PDB file of N, CA and C in Angstrom:
ATOM      1  N   MET A   1     -60.429-176.719  -3.270  1.00  0.00           N
ATOM      2  CA  MET A   1     -58.837-176.168  -3.708  1.00  0.00           C
ATOM      3  C   MET A   1     -58.890-175.133  -4.604  1.00  0.00           C
ATOM      4  N   ILE A   2     -60.177-174.883  -5.386  1.00  0.00           N
ATOM      5  CA  ILE A   2     -60.068-173.626  -6.059  1.00  0.00           C
ATOM      6  C   ILE A   2     -60.621-172.478  -5.067  1.00  0.00           C
ATOM      7  N   VAL A   3     -61.536-172.571  -4.236  1.00  0.00           N
ATOM      8  CA  VAL A   3     -61.715-171.117  -2.962  1.00  0.00           C
ATOM      9  C   VAL A   3     -60.402-170.965  -2.614  1.00  0.00           C
ATOM     10  N   LEU A   4     -59.362-172.113  -2.225  1.00  0.00           N
ATOM     11  CA  LEU A   4     -58.404-171.834  -1.210  1.00  0.00           C
ATOM     12  C   LEU A   4     -57.256-171.196  -2.244  1.00  0.00           C
ATOM     13  N   GLY A   5     -57.299-171.534  -3.249  1.00  0.00           N
ATOM     14  CA  GLY A   5     -56.586-170.864  -4.496  1.00  0.00           C
ATOM     15  C   GLY A   5     -56.818-169.551  -4.547  1.00  0.00           C
ATOM     16  N   LEU A   6     -58.161-168.825  -4.517  1.00  0.00           N
ATOM     17  CA  LEU A   6     -58.429-167.795  -4.850  1.00  0.00           C
ATOM     18  C   LEU A   6     -58.413-166.833  -3.623  1.00  0.00           C
ATOM     19  N   VAL A   7     -58.583-167.378  -2.525  1.00  0.00           N
ATOM     20  CA  VAL A   7     -58.175-166.771  -1.129  1.00  0.00           C
ATOM     21  C   VAL A   7     -56.718-166.213  -0.971  1.00  0.00           C
ATOM     22  N   LEU A   8     -55.996-167.181  -1.285  1.00  0.00           N
ATOM     23  CA  LEU A   8     -54.812-166.893  -1.411  1.00  0.00           C
ATOM     24  C   LEU A   8     -54.079-166.055  -2.535  1.00  0.00           C
ATOM     25  N   LEU A   9     -54.502-165.830  -3.227  1.00  0.00           N
ATOM     26  CA  LEU A   9     -54.434-165.130  -4.483  1.00  0.00           C
ATOM     27  C   LEU A   9     -54.988-163.636  -3.927  1.00  0.00           C
ATOM     28  N   VAL A  10     -55.928-163.475  -3.469  1.00  0.00           N
ATOM     29  CA  VAL A  10     -56.426-162.402  -2.777  1.00  0.00           C
ATOM     30  C   VAL A  10     -55.466-161.835  -1.877  1.00  0.00           C
ATOM     31  N   LEU A  11     -55.183-162.621  -1.029  1.00  0.00           N
ATOM     32  CA  LEU A  11     -54.358-162.330   0.326  1.00  0.00           C
ATOM     33  C   LEU A  11     -52.899-161.853  -0.284  1.00  0.00           C
ATOM     34  N   GLY A  12     -52.428-162.697  -1.179  1.00  0.00           N
ATOM     35  CA  GLY A  12     -51.126-162.431  -1.832  1.00  0.00           C
ATOM     36  C   GLY A  12     -50.989-160.837  -2.214  1.00  0.00           C
ATOM     37  N   LEU A  13     -51.936-160.662  -3.068  1.00  0.00           N
ATOM     38  CA  LEU A  13     -52.130-159.564  -3.634  1.00  0.00           C
ATOM     39  C   LEU A  13     -52.438-158.178  -2.399  1.00  0.00           C
ATOM     40  N   LEU A  14     -53.152-158.438  -1.836  1.00  0.00           N
ATOM     41  CA  LEU A  14     -53.416-157.182  -0.679  1.00  0.00           C
ATOM     42  C   LEU A  14     -52.315-156.940   0.085  1.00  0.00           C
ATOM     43  N   LEU A  15     -51.623-158.103   0.709  1.00  0.00           N
ATOM     44  CA  LEU A  15     -50.484-158.241   1.479  1.00  0.00           C
ATOM     45  C   LEU A  15     -49.408-157.944   0.940  1.00  0.00           C
ATOM     46  N   LYS A  16     -49.227-157.992  -0.001  1.00  0.00           N
ATOM     47  CA  LYS A  16     -47.867-158.220  -1.322  1.00  0.00           C
ATOM     48  C   LYS A  16     -46.863-159.264  -1.017  1.00  0.00           C
ATOM     49  N   ILE A  17     -47.587-160.204  -0.788  1.00  0.00           N
ATOM     50  CA  ILE A  17     -46.568-161.462  -0.430  1.00  0.00           C
ATOM     51  C   ILE A  17     -46.919-162.317  -1.509  1.00  0.00           C
ATOM     52  N   SER A  18     -45.332-162.332  -1.938  1.00  0.00           N
ATOM     53  CA  SER A  18     -45.358-162.911  -3.274  1.00  0.00           C
ATOM     54  C   SER A  18     -45.760-164.510  -3.042  1.00  0.00           C
ATOM     55  N   ILE A  19     -45.399-165.067  -2.309  1.00  0.00           N
ATOM     56  CA  ILE A  19     -45.356-166.452  -1.959  1.00  0.00           C
ATOM     57  C   ILE A  19     -46.619-166.865  -2.070  1.00  0.00           C
ATOM     58  N   LEU A  20     -47.642-166.130  -0.878  1.00  0.00           N
ATOM     59  CA  LEU A  20     -48.847-166.542  -1.140  1.00  0.00           C
ATOM     60  C   LEU A  20     -49.600-166.582  -2.657  1.00  0.00           C
ATOM     61  N   TRP A  21     -49.229-165.516  -3.187  1.00  0.00           N
ATOM     62  CA  TRP A  21     -50.088-165.601  -4.607  1.00  0.00           C
ATOM     63  C   TRP A  21     -49.463-166.493  -5.726  1.00  0.00           C
ATOM     64  N   THR A  22     -48.202-166.932  -5.446  1.00  0.00           N
ATOM     65  CA  THR A  22     -47.601-168.215  -6.288  1.00  0.00           C
ATOM     66  C   THR A  22     -48.403-169.255  -5.928  1.00  0.00           C
ATOM     67  N   ILE A  23     -48.334-169.694  -4.725  1.00  0.00           N
ATOM     68  CA  ILE A  23     -49.180-170.854  -3.805  1.00  0.00           C
ATOM     69  C   ILE A  23     -50.714-171.012  -4.395  1.00  0.00           C
ATOM     70  N   GLY A  24     -51.212-169.798  -4.505  1.00  0.00           N
ATOM     71  CA  GLY A  24     -52.933-169.627  -4.703  1.00  0.00           C
ATOM     72  C   GLY A  24     -52.859-169.827  -6.195  1.00  0.00           C
ATOM     73  N   LEU A  25     -51.982-169.453  -7.116  1.00  0.00           N
ATOM     74  CA  LEU A  25     -51.918-169.549  -8.592  1.00  0.00           C
ATOM     75  C   LEU A  25     -52.068-171.247  -8.645  1.00  0.00           C
ATOM     76  N   VAL A  26     -51.264-171.632  -8.022  1.00  0.00           N
ATOM     77  CA  VAL A  26     -50.798-173.458  -8.218  1.00  0.00           C
ATOM     78  C   VAL A  26     -51.808-174.009  -7.890  1.00  0.00           C
ATOM     79  N   LEU A  27     -52.659-173.690  -6.776  1.00  0.00           N
ATOM     80  CA  LEU A  27     -53.827-174.319  -6.062  1.00  0.00           C
ATOM     81  C   LEU A  27     -54.884-174.112  -7.391  1.00  0.00           C
ATOM     82  N   LEU A  28     -54.998-173.034  -7.720  1.00  0.00           N
ATOM     83  CA  LEU A  28     -56.100-172.399  -8.536  1.00  0.00           C
ATOM     84  C   LEU A  28     -55.952-173.475 -10.060  1.00  0.00           C
ATOM     85  N   VAL A  29     -54.696-173.410 -10.391  1.00  0.00           N
ATOM     86  CA  VAL A  29     -54.493-174.271 -11.142  1.00  0.00           C
ATOM     87  C   VAL A  29     -55.133-175.775 -11.359  1.00  0.00           C
ATOM     88  N   ILE A  30     -54.294-176.443 -10.115  1.00  0.00           N
ATOM     89  CA  ILE A  30     -54.488-177.905 -10.045  1.00  0.00           C
ATOM     90  C   ILE A  30     -56.200-177.894  -9.586  1.00  0.00           C
ATOM     91  N   GLY A  31     -56.784-177.328  -8.838  1.00  0.00           N
ATOM     92  CA  GLY A  31     -58.250-177.296  -8.752  1.00  0.00           C
ATOM     93  C   GLY A  31     -59.110-177.169  -9.961  1.00  0.00           C
ATOM     94  N   ALA A  32     -58.679-176.685 -10.673  1.00  0.00           N
ATOM     95  CA  ALA A  32     -59.310-176.356 -12.216  1.00  0.00           C
ATOM     96  C   ALA A  32     -59.140-177.976 -13.047  1.00  0.00           C
ATOM     97  N   VAL A  33     -58.122-178.189 -13.144  1.00  0.00           N
ATOM     98  CA  VAL A  33     -57.354-179.564 -13.626  1.00  0.00           C
ATOM     99  C   VAL A  33     -58.448-180.666 -13.491  1.00  0.00           C
ATOM    100  N   LEU A  34     -58.375-180.518 -11.757  1.00  0.00           N
ATOM    101  CA  LEU A  34     -59.318-181.813 -11.045  1.00  0.00           C
ATOM    102  C   LEU A  34     -60.694-181.775 -11.472  1.00  0.00           C
ATOM    103  N   VAL A  35     -61.326-180.281 -11.437  1.00  0.00           N
ATOM    104  CA  VAL A  35     -62.831-180.099 -11.877  1.00  0.00           C
ATOM    105  C   VAL A  35     -62.999-180.670 -13.361  1.00  0.00           C
ATOM    106  N   LEU A  36     -62.104-180.361 -14.281  1.00  0.00           N
ATOM    107  CA  LEU A  36     -61.987-180.472 -15.492  1.00  0.00           C
ATOM    108  C   LEU A  36     -62.057-182.166 -15.599  1.00  0.00           C
ATOM    109  N   MET A  37     -61.179-182.737 -15.001  1.00  0.00           N
ATOM    110  CA  MET A  37     -61.027-184.234 -15.371  1.00  0.00           C
ATOM    111  C   MET A  37     -62.238-185.098 -14.611  1.00  0.00           C
ATOM    112  N   GLY A  38     -62.864-184.305 -13.671  1.00  0.00           N
ATOM    113  CA  GLY A  38     -63.823-185.370 -12.906  1.00  0.00           C
ATOM    114  C   GLY A  38     -65.022-184.961 -13.690  1.00  0.00           C
ATOM    115  N   SER A  39     -65.091-183.776 -14.158  1.00  0.00           N
ATOM    116  CA  SER A  39     -66.627-183.683 -15.073  1.00  0.00           C
ATOM    117  C   SER A  39     -66.615-184.232 -16.482  1.00  0.00           C
ATOM    118  N   MET A  40     -65.072-184.989 -16.737  1.00  0.00           N
ATOM    119  CA  MET A  40     -65.048-185.973 -18.268  1.00  0.00           C
ATOM    120  C   MET A  40     -65.243-186.967 -17.656  1.00  0.00           C
ATOM    121  N   GLY A  41     -65.773-187.372 -16.251  1.00  0.00           N
ATOM    122  CA  GLY A  41     -65.997-188.915 -16.342  1.00  0.00           C
ATOM    123  C   GLY A  41     -64.873-189.415 -15.864  1.00  0.00           C
ATOM    124  N   ARG A  42     -63.708-189.020 -15.757  1.00  0.00           N
ATOM    125  CA  ARG A  42     -62.401-189.679 -15.294  1.00  0.00           C
ATOM    126  C   ARG A  42     -62.370-189.608 -13.807  1.00  0.00           C
ATOM    127  N   ALA A  43     -62.125-190.697 -13.498  1.00  0.00           N
ATOM    128  CA  ALA A  43     -61.974-190.830 -11.899  1.00  0.00           C
ATOM    129  C   ALA A  43     -60.487-190.417 -11.512  1.00  0.00           C
ATOM    130  N   VAL A  44     -60.183-189.705 -10.475  1.00  0.00           N
ATOM    131  CA  VAL A  44     -58.727-188.929 -10.527  1.00  0.00           C
ATOM    132  C   VAL A  44     -58.245-189.351  -8.833  1.00  0.00           C
ATOM    133  N   GLY A  45     -57.655-190.221  -8.460  1.00  0.00           N
ATOM    134  CA  GLY A  45     -57.149-190.447  -7.463  1.00  0.00           C
ATOM    135  C   GLY A  45     -58.315-191.593  -6.682  1.00  0.00           C
ATOM    136  N   GLY A  46     -58.955-192.186  -7.665  1.00  0.00           N
ATOM    137  CA  GLY A  46     -60.200-192.815  -7.024  1.00  0.00           C
ATOM    138  C   GLY A  46     -61.758-192.077  -6.690  1.00  0.00           C
ATOM    139  N   ARG A  47     -61.500-190.806  -7.201  1.00  0.00           N
ATOM    140  CA  ARG A  47     -62.860-190.136  -6.897  1.00  0.00           C
ATOM    141  C   ARG A  47     -63.263-189.200  -7.991  1.00  0.00           C
ATOM    142  N   ARG A  48     -64.358-189.296  -8.172  1.00  0.00           N
ATOM    143  CA  ARG A  48     -64.740-189.106  -9.643  1.00  0.00           C
ATOM    144  C   ARG A  48     -65.438-187.227  -9.645  1.00  0.00           C
ATOM    145  N   HIS A  49     -65.381-186.892  -8.195  1.00  0.00           N
ATOM    146  CA  HIS A  49     -65.704-185.526  -7.707  1.00  0.00           C
ATOM    147  C   HIS A  49     -64.803-185.116  -6.956  1.00  0.00           C
ATOM    148  N   TYR A  50     -64.403-183.740  -6.773  1.00  0.00           N
ATOM    149  CA  TYR A  50     -63.582-182.958  -5.814  1.00  0.00           C
ATOM    150  C   TYR A  50     -64.232-181.919  -5.335  1.00  0.00           C
ATOM    151  N   PHE A  51     -65.150-181.850  -4.792  1.00  0.00           N
ATOM    152  CA  PHE A  51     -66.124-180.775  -4.427  1.00  0.00           C
ATOM    153  C   PHE A  51     -66.649-181.053  -2.937  1.00  0.00           C
TER     154      PHE A  51
END
C-alpha cells in the first residue's frame, strides 16, 4: 500500500492530476499506520503484518 501510494504521488505530480496526488497521499498514510500498528504487535484486521 505504501508503494502504491508513492507511485500515485509521483504520477500525480508529474501529470499534474491532483486527484492522483490526493489518493496517493491517503494510501501512503494508511499504509504507514498499518505498518506501525503491525510492528507494535497489534493485529489489524486479523493480520499482524501488511507486506
